[in-house]
């Protein structure tokens, strides 16, 4: 399985303070679908939704994964929303304080 590794900071830039760094959560997102993931958004379940694509210019083909830093602040529950090349989106609620790897499946 090919792995694409990069880090994305949601919300505040964690490097600006030790407190923010402690709140960051590393999450490996795996594309376990038959379609290419073209966009990925992670927003806290409470508060303002994030509209920045965490993948940027990267795509995740089936079987690929990306390591992300999701966080900033005290939030643990995030809505992950992925868009795929079949024009479908999949949204999932993930507790990034407890989950280290999340697999988007065809469900």
N, C-alpha and C. Protein backbone atom coordinates (compact mmCIF):
# COMPACT_ATOMS: atom_id res chain seq x y z
N UNK A 1 0.84 -1.17 0.00
CA UNK A 1 0.00 0.00 0.00
C UNK A 1 0.89 1.23 0.00
N UNK A 2 0.68 2.14 -0.91
CA UNK A 2 1.44 3.37 -0.98
C UNK A 2 0.88 4.35 0.04
N UNK A 3 1.75 5.02 0.76
CA UNK A 3 1.33 5.97 1.77
C UNK A 3 1.78 7.36 1.38
N UNK A 4 0.88 8.30 1.44
CA UNK A 4 1.19 9.70 1.20
C UNK A 4 1.22 10.35 2.57
N UNK A 5 2.35 10.93 2.95
CA UNK A 5 2.47 11.53 4.27
C UNK A 5 2.61 13.04 4.16
N UNK A 6 1.81 13.74 4.94
CA UNK A 6 1.93 15.17 5.09
C UNK A 6 1.14 15.58 6.32
N UNK A 7 1.42 16.75 6.80
CA UNK A 7 0.75 17.24 8.00
C UNK A 7 -0.03 18.49 7.64
N UNK A 8 -1.24 18.59 8.18
CA UNK A 8 -2.07 19.75 7.98
C UNK A 8 -2.59 20.18 9.35
N UNK A 9 -2.52 21.44 9.64
CA UNK A 9 -3.02 21.94 10.91
C UNK A 9 -4.38 22.57 10.68
N UNK A 10 -5.37 22.12 11.45
CA UNK A 10 -6.70 22.71 11.38
C UNK A 10 -6.81 23.79 12.44
N UNK A 11 -7.45 24.89 12.09
CA UNK A 11 -7.64 25.96 13.05
C UNK A 11 -6.35 26.72 13.29
N UNK A 12 -5.90 26.78 14.51
CA UNK A 12 -4.71 27.53 14.88
C UNK A 12 -3.45 26.78 14.50
N UNK A 13 -2.39 27.49 14.24
CA UNK A 13 -1.10 26.86 13.96
C UNK A 13 -0.53 26.41 15.29
N UNK A 14 -0.38 25.10 15.44
CA UNK A 14 0.00 24.52 16.73
C UNK A 14 1.40 24.90 17.16
N UNK A 15 2.26 25.22 16.24
CA UNK A 15 3.64 25.53 16.61
C UNK A 15 3.76 26.83 17.39
N UNK A 16 2.69 27.60 17.48
CA UNK A 16 2.78 28.89 18.15
C UNK A 16 2.74 28.77 19.66
N UNK A 17 2.30 27.63 20.19
CA UNK A 17 2.28 27.49 21.65
C UNK A 17 2.36 26.03 22.04
N UNK A 18 2.93 25.81 23.21
CA UNK A 18 3.03 24.45 23.72
C UNK A 18 1.65 23.87 23.98
N UNK A 19 0.73 24.69 24.48
CA UNK A 19 -0.63 24.22 24.76
C UNK A 19 -1.31 23.74 23.49
N UNK A 20 -1.14 24.48 22.42
CA UNK A 20 -1.76 24.08 21.15
C UNK A 20 -1.12 22.80 20.63
N UNK A 21 0.20 22.66 20.78
CA UNK A 21 0.86 21.45 20.32
C UNK A 21 0.34 20.23 21.06
N UNK A 22 0.08 20.37 22.34
CA UNK A 22 -0.42 19.24 23.13
C UNK A 22 -1.81 18.81 22.69
N UNK A 23 -2.58 19.73 22.12
CA UNK A 23 -3.95 19.42 21.72
C UNK A 23 -4.03 18.82 20.32
N UNK A 24 -2.97 18.90 19.53
CA UNK A 24 -3.01 18.36 18.18
C UNK A 24 -3.14 16.85 18.21
N UNK A 25 -3.87 16.33 17.27
CA UNK A 25 -4.11 14.90 17.18
C UNK A 25 -3.66 14.40 15.82
N UNK A 26 -2.78 13.40 15.80
CA UNK A 26 -2.36 12.78 14.54
C UNK A 26 -3.39 11.72 14.17
N UNK A 27 -3.82 11.76 12.92
CA UNK A 27 -4.81 10.82 12.43
C UNK A 27 -4.37 10.35 11.05
N UNK A 28 -4.31 9.05 10.87
CA UNK A 28 -4.04 8.49 9.56
C UNK A 28 -5.38 8.19 8.91
N UNK A 29 -5.61 8.78 7.75
CA UNK A 29 -6.84 8.56 6.99
C UNK A 29 -6.50 7.61 5.85
N UNK A 30 -7.27 6.52 5.76
CA UNK A 30 -7.04 5.50 4.74
C UNK A 30 -8.22 5.53 3.76
N UNK A 31 -7.91 5.55 2.48
CA UNK A 31 -8.95 5.43 1.46
C UNK A 31 -9.14 3.95 1.16
N UNK A 32 -10.14 3.35 1.81
CA UNK A 32 -10.43 1.93 1.63
C UNK A 32 -11.64 1.76 0.72
N UNK A 33 -11.81 2.70 -0.21
CA UNK A 33 -12.90 2.61 -1.19
C UNK A 33 -12.31 2.21 -2.54
N UNK A 34 -13.18 2.05 -3.51
CA UNK A 34 -12.74 1.74 -4.87
C UNK A 34 -12.56 3.00 -5.70
N UNK A 35 -12.70 4.19 -5.07
CA UNK A 35 -12.63 5.46 -5.79
C UNK A 35 -11.55 6.35 -5.20
N UNK A 36 -11.06 7.28 -6.01
CA UNK A 36 -10.04 8.22 -5.58
C UNK A 36 -10.66 9.31 -4.72
N UNK A 37 -10.05 9.54 -3.54
CA UNK A 37 -10.48 10.63 -2.66
C UNK A 37 -9.86 11.92 -3.20
N UNK A 38 -10.71 12.90 -3.49
CA UNK A 38 -10.24 14.14 -4.10
C UNK A 38 -10.18 15.30 -3.12
N UNK A 39 -10.98 15.28 -2.07
CA UNK A 39 -10.99 16.34 -1.07
C UNK A 39 -11.29 15.75 0.30
N UNK A 40 -10.79 16.41 1.34
CA UNK A 40 -11.05 15.99 2.72
C UNK A 40 -11.12 17.21 3.62
N UNK A 41 -12.19 17.30 4.38
CA UNK A 41 -12.38 18.40 5.32
C UNK A 41 -12.54 17.82 6.72
N UNK A 42 -12.02 18.52 7.73
CA UNK A 42 -12.17 18.11 9.13
C UNK A 42 -12.61 19.33 9.92
N UNK A 43 -13.82 19.26 10.48
CA UNK A 43 -14.36 20.37 11.25
C UNK A 43 -14.77 19.87 12.63
N UNK A 44 -14.53 20.67 13.67
CA UNK A 44 -15.05 20.27 14.98
C UNK A 44 -16.56 20.13 14.89
N UNK A 45 -17.12 19.20 15.65
CA UNK A 45 -18.57 18.98 15.59
C UNK A 45 -19.34 20.17 16.16
N UNK A 46 -18.69 20.98 16.96
CA UNK A 46 -19.30 22.22 17.45
C UNK A 46 -18.46 23.39 16.96
N UNK A 47 -19.09 24.45 16.61
CA UNK A 47 -18.35 25.62 16.14
C UNK A 47 -18.46 25.78 14.65
N UNK A 48 -17.57 26.58 14.11
CA UNK A 48 -17.57 26.94 12.69
C UNK A 48 -16.96 25.83 11.84
N UNK A 49 -17.66 25.41 10.79
CA UNK A 49 -17.09 24.40 9.89
C UNK A 49 -15.84 24.92 9.18
N UNK A 50 -14.92 24.02 8.92
CA UNK A 50 -13.68 24.36 8.22
C UNK A 50 -13.91 24.11 6.73
N UNK A 51 -13.53 25.08 5.90
CA UNK A 51 -13.74 24.92 4.46
C UNK A 51 -12.44 24.76 3.70
N UNK A 52 -11.34 24.45 4.40
CA UNK A 52 -10.05 24.24 3.74
C UNK A 52 -9.85 22.75 3.48
N UNK A 53 -9.57 22.42 2.24
CA UNK A 53 -9.33 21.03 1.85
C UNK A 53 -7.99 20.58 2.43
N UNK A 54 -8.03 19.60 3.31
CA UNK A 54 -6.82 19.13 3.99
C UNK A 54 -5.87 18.40 3.04
N UNK A 55 -6.37 17.91 1.92
CA UNK A 55 -5.50 17.22 0.97
C UNK A 55 -4.76 18.18 0.05
N UNK A 56 -5.28 19.38 -0.09
CA UNK A 56 -4.64 20.34 -0.99
C UNK A 56 -4.58 19.80 -2.41
N UNK A 57 -3.39 19.76 -2.99
CA UNK A 57 -3.21 19.27 -4.36
C UNK A 57 -3.06 17.75 -4.42
N UNK A 58 -3.08 17.10 -3.26
CA UNK A 58 -2.90 15.65 -3.19
C UNK A 58 -4.23 14.94 -3.36
N UNK A 59 -4.20 13.76 -3.93
CA UNK A 59 -5.36 12.88 -3.98
C UNK A 59 -4.96 11.55 -3.34
N UNK A 60 -5.94 10.82 -2.84
CA UNK A 60 -5.67 9.50 -2.28
C UNK A 60 -6.36 8.46 -3.14
N UNK A 61 -5.57 7.71 -3.86
CA UNK A 61 -6.11 6.62 -4.66
C UNK A 61 -6.53 5.48 -3.73
N UNK A 62 -7.34 4.55 -4.22
CA UNK A 62 -7.73 3.42 -3.38
C UNK A 62 -6.51 2.75 -2.76
N UNK A 63 -6.56 2.53 -1.45
CA UNK A 63 -5.48 1.89 -0.74
C UNK A 63 -4.43 2.83 -0.19
N UNK A 64 -4.44 4.09 -0.62
CA UNK A 64 -3.47 5.05 -0.11
C UNK A 64 -3.94 5.65 1.21
N UNK A 65 -2.99 6.21 1.96
CA UNK A 65 -3.33 6.85 3.23
C UNK A 65 -2.54 8.14 3.36
N UNK A 66 -2.98 8.97 4.29
CA UNK A 66 -2.30 10.23 4.60
C UNK A 66 -2.34 10.45 6.10
N UNK A 67 -1.23 10.90 6.64
CA UNK A 67 -1.20 11.22 8.06
C UNK A 67 -1.45 12.72 8.20
N UNK A 68 -2.44 13.06 9.01
CA UNK A 68 -2.85 14.45 9.19
C UNK A 68 -2.75 14.82 10.66
N UNK A 69 -2.63 16.10 10.93
CA UNK A 69 -2.77 16.61 12.29
C UNK A 69 -4.09 17.36 12.31
N UNK A 70 -5.01 16.85 13.11
CA UNK A 70 -6.34 17.43 13.23
C UNK A 70 -6.45 17.97 14.64
N UNK A 71 -6.77 19.20 14.78
CA UNK A 71 -6.92 19.70 16.14
C UNK A 71 -6.65 21.16 16.30
N UNK A 72 -6.28 21.47 17.49
CA UNK A 72 -6.17 22.85 17.92
C UNK A 72 -7.28 23.07 18.93
N UNK A 73 -6.96 23.51 20.08
CA UNK A 73 -7.98 23.66 21.12
C UNK A 73 -8.23 22.33 21.80
N UNK A 74 -9.36 22.24 22.45
CA UNK A 74 -9.69 21.06 23.24
C UNK A 74 -10.61 20.08 22.53
N UNK A 75 -11.02 20.38 21.31
CA UNK A 75 -11.99 19.53 20.60
C UNK A 75 -11.41 18.15 20.30
N UNK A 76 -12.24 17.13 20.50
CA UNK A 76 -11.88 15.76 20.14
C UNK A 76 -12.76 15.22 19.03
N UNK A 77 -14.03 15.64 19.02
CA UNK A 77 -14.98 15.13 18.02
C UNK A 77 -14.95 16.01 16.78
N UNK A 78 -14.65 15.38 15.65
CA UNK A 78 -14.57 16.08 14.38
C UNK A 78 -15.44 15.40 13.34
N UNK A 79 -16.02 16.20 12.47
CA UNK A 79 -16.72 15.69 11.30
C UNK A 79 -15.70 15.63 10.17
N UNK A 80 -15.46 14.42 9.65
CA UNK A 80 -14.60 14.25 8.49
C UNK A 80 -15.51 14.10 7.27
N UNK A 81 -15.27 14.88 6.26
CA UNK A 81 -16.06 14.82 5.04
C UNK A 81 -15.12 14.63 3.87
N UNK A 82 -15.27 13.53 3.17
CA UNK A 82 -14.42 13.21 2.03
C UNK A 82 -15.24 13.22 0.75
N UNK A 83 -14.64 13.76 -0.31
CA UNK A 83 -15.26 13.74 -1.64
C UNK A 83 -14.45 12.79 -2.51
N UNK A 84 -15.16 12.09 -3.40
CA UNK A 84 -14.53 11.07 -4.24
C UNK A 84 -14.81 11.34 -5.71
N UNK A 85 -14.04 10.68 -6.58
CA UNK A 85 -14.17 10.90 -8.02
C UNK A 85 -15.45 10.32 -8.62
N UNK A 86 -16.26 9.64 -7.80
CA UNK A 86 -17.56 9.17 -8.29
C UNK A 86 -18.67 10.18 -7.94
N UNK A 87 -18.25 11.41 -7.58
CA UNK A 87 -19.15 12.51 -7.22
C UNK A 87 -19.95 12.24 -5.95
N UNK A 88 -19.49 11.33 -5.11
CA UNK A 88 -20.14 11.06 -3.84
C UNK A 88 -19.28 11.61 -2.71
N UNK A 89 -19.94 11.96 -1.62
CA UNK A 89 -19.23 12.36 -0.42
C UNK A 89 -19.61 11.40 0.70
N UNK A 90 -18.68 11.26 1.63
CA UNK A 90 -18.92 10.44 2.81
C UNK A 90 -18.51 11.28 4.01
N UNK A 91 -19.43 11.41 4.97
CA UNK A 91 -19.16 12.19 6.17
C UNK A 91 -19.23 11.26 7.38
N UNK A 92 -18.27 11.41 8.26
CA UNK A 92 -18.20 10.58 9.45
C UNK A 92 -17.79 11.43 10.64
N UNK A 93 -18.34 11.10 11.81
CA UNK A 93 -17.92 11.74 13.06
C UNK A 93 -16.84 10.85 13.67
N UNK A 94 -15.69 11.46 14.00
CA UNK A 94 -14.55 10.70 14.51
C UNK A 94 -14.00 11.42 15.75
N UNK A 95 -13.77 10.66 16.80
CA UNK A 95 -13.12 11.19 17.99
C UNK A 95 -11.62 11.03 17.79
N UNK A 96 -10.95 12.13 17.42
CA UNK A 96 -9.54 12.07 17.08
C UNK A 96 -8.64 11.94 18.32
N UNK A 97 -9.22 12.05 19.51
CA UNK A 97 -8.45 11.81 20.74
C UNK A 97 -8.29 10.31 20.99
N UNK A 98 -9.22 9.52 20.45
CA UNK A 98 -9.21 8.08 20.67
C UNK A 98 -8.81 7.27 19.44
N UNK A 99 -9.14 7.77 18.27
CA UNK A 99 -8.90 7.04 17.02
C UNK A 99 -7.60 7.54 16.40
N UNK A 100 -6.71 6.66 16.04
CA UNK A 100 -5.44 7.03 15.41
C UNK A 100 -5.44 6.76 13.91
N UNK A 101 -6.28 5.81 13.47
CA UNK A 101 -6.42 5.49 12.05
C UNK A 101 -7.89 5.40 11.72
N UNK A 102 -8.31 6.12 10.68
CA UNK A 102 -9.70 6.04 10.24
C UNK A 102 -9.72 5.62 8.79
N UNK A 103 -10.53 4.59 8.51
CA UNK A 103 -10.66 4.05 7.15
C UNK A 103 -11.99 4.49 6.54
N UNK A 104 -11.93 5.25 5.45
CA UNK A 104 -13.13 5.53 4.69
C UNK A 104 -13.40 4.32 3.82
N UNK A 105 -14.59 3.73 3.99
CA UNK A 105 -14.97 2.55 3.22
C UNK A 105 -16.05 2.91 2.22
N UNK A 106 -16.46 1.97 1.42
CA UNK A 106 -17.47 2.20 0.40
C UNK A 106 -18.88 2.31 0.94
N UNK A 107 -19.04 2.18 2.22
CA UNK A 107 -20.39 2.25 2.84
C UNK A 107 -20.94 3.64 2.83
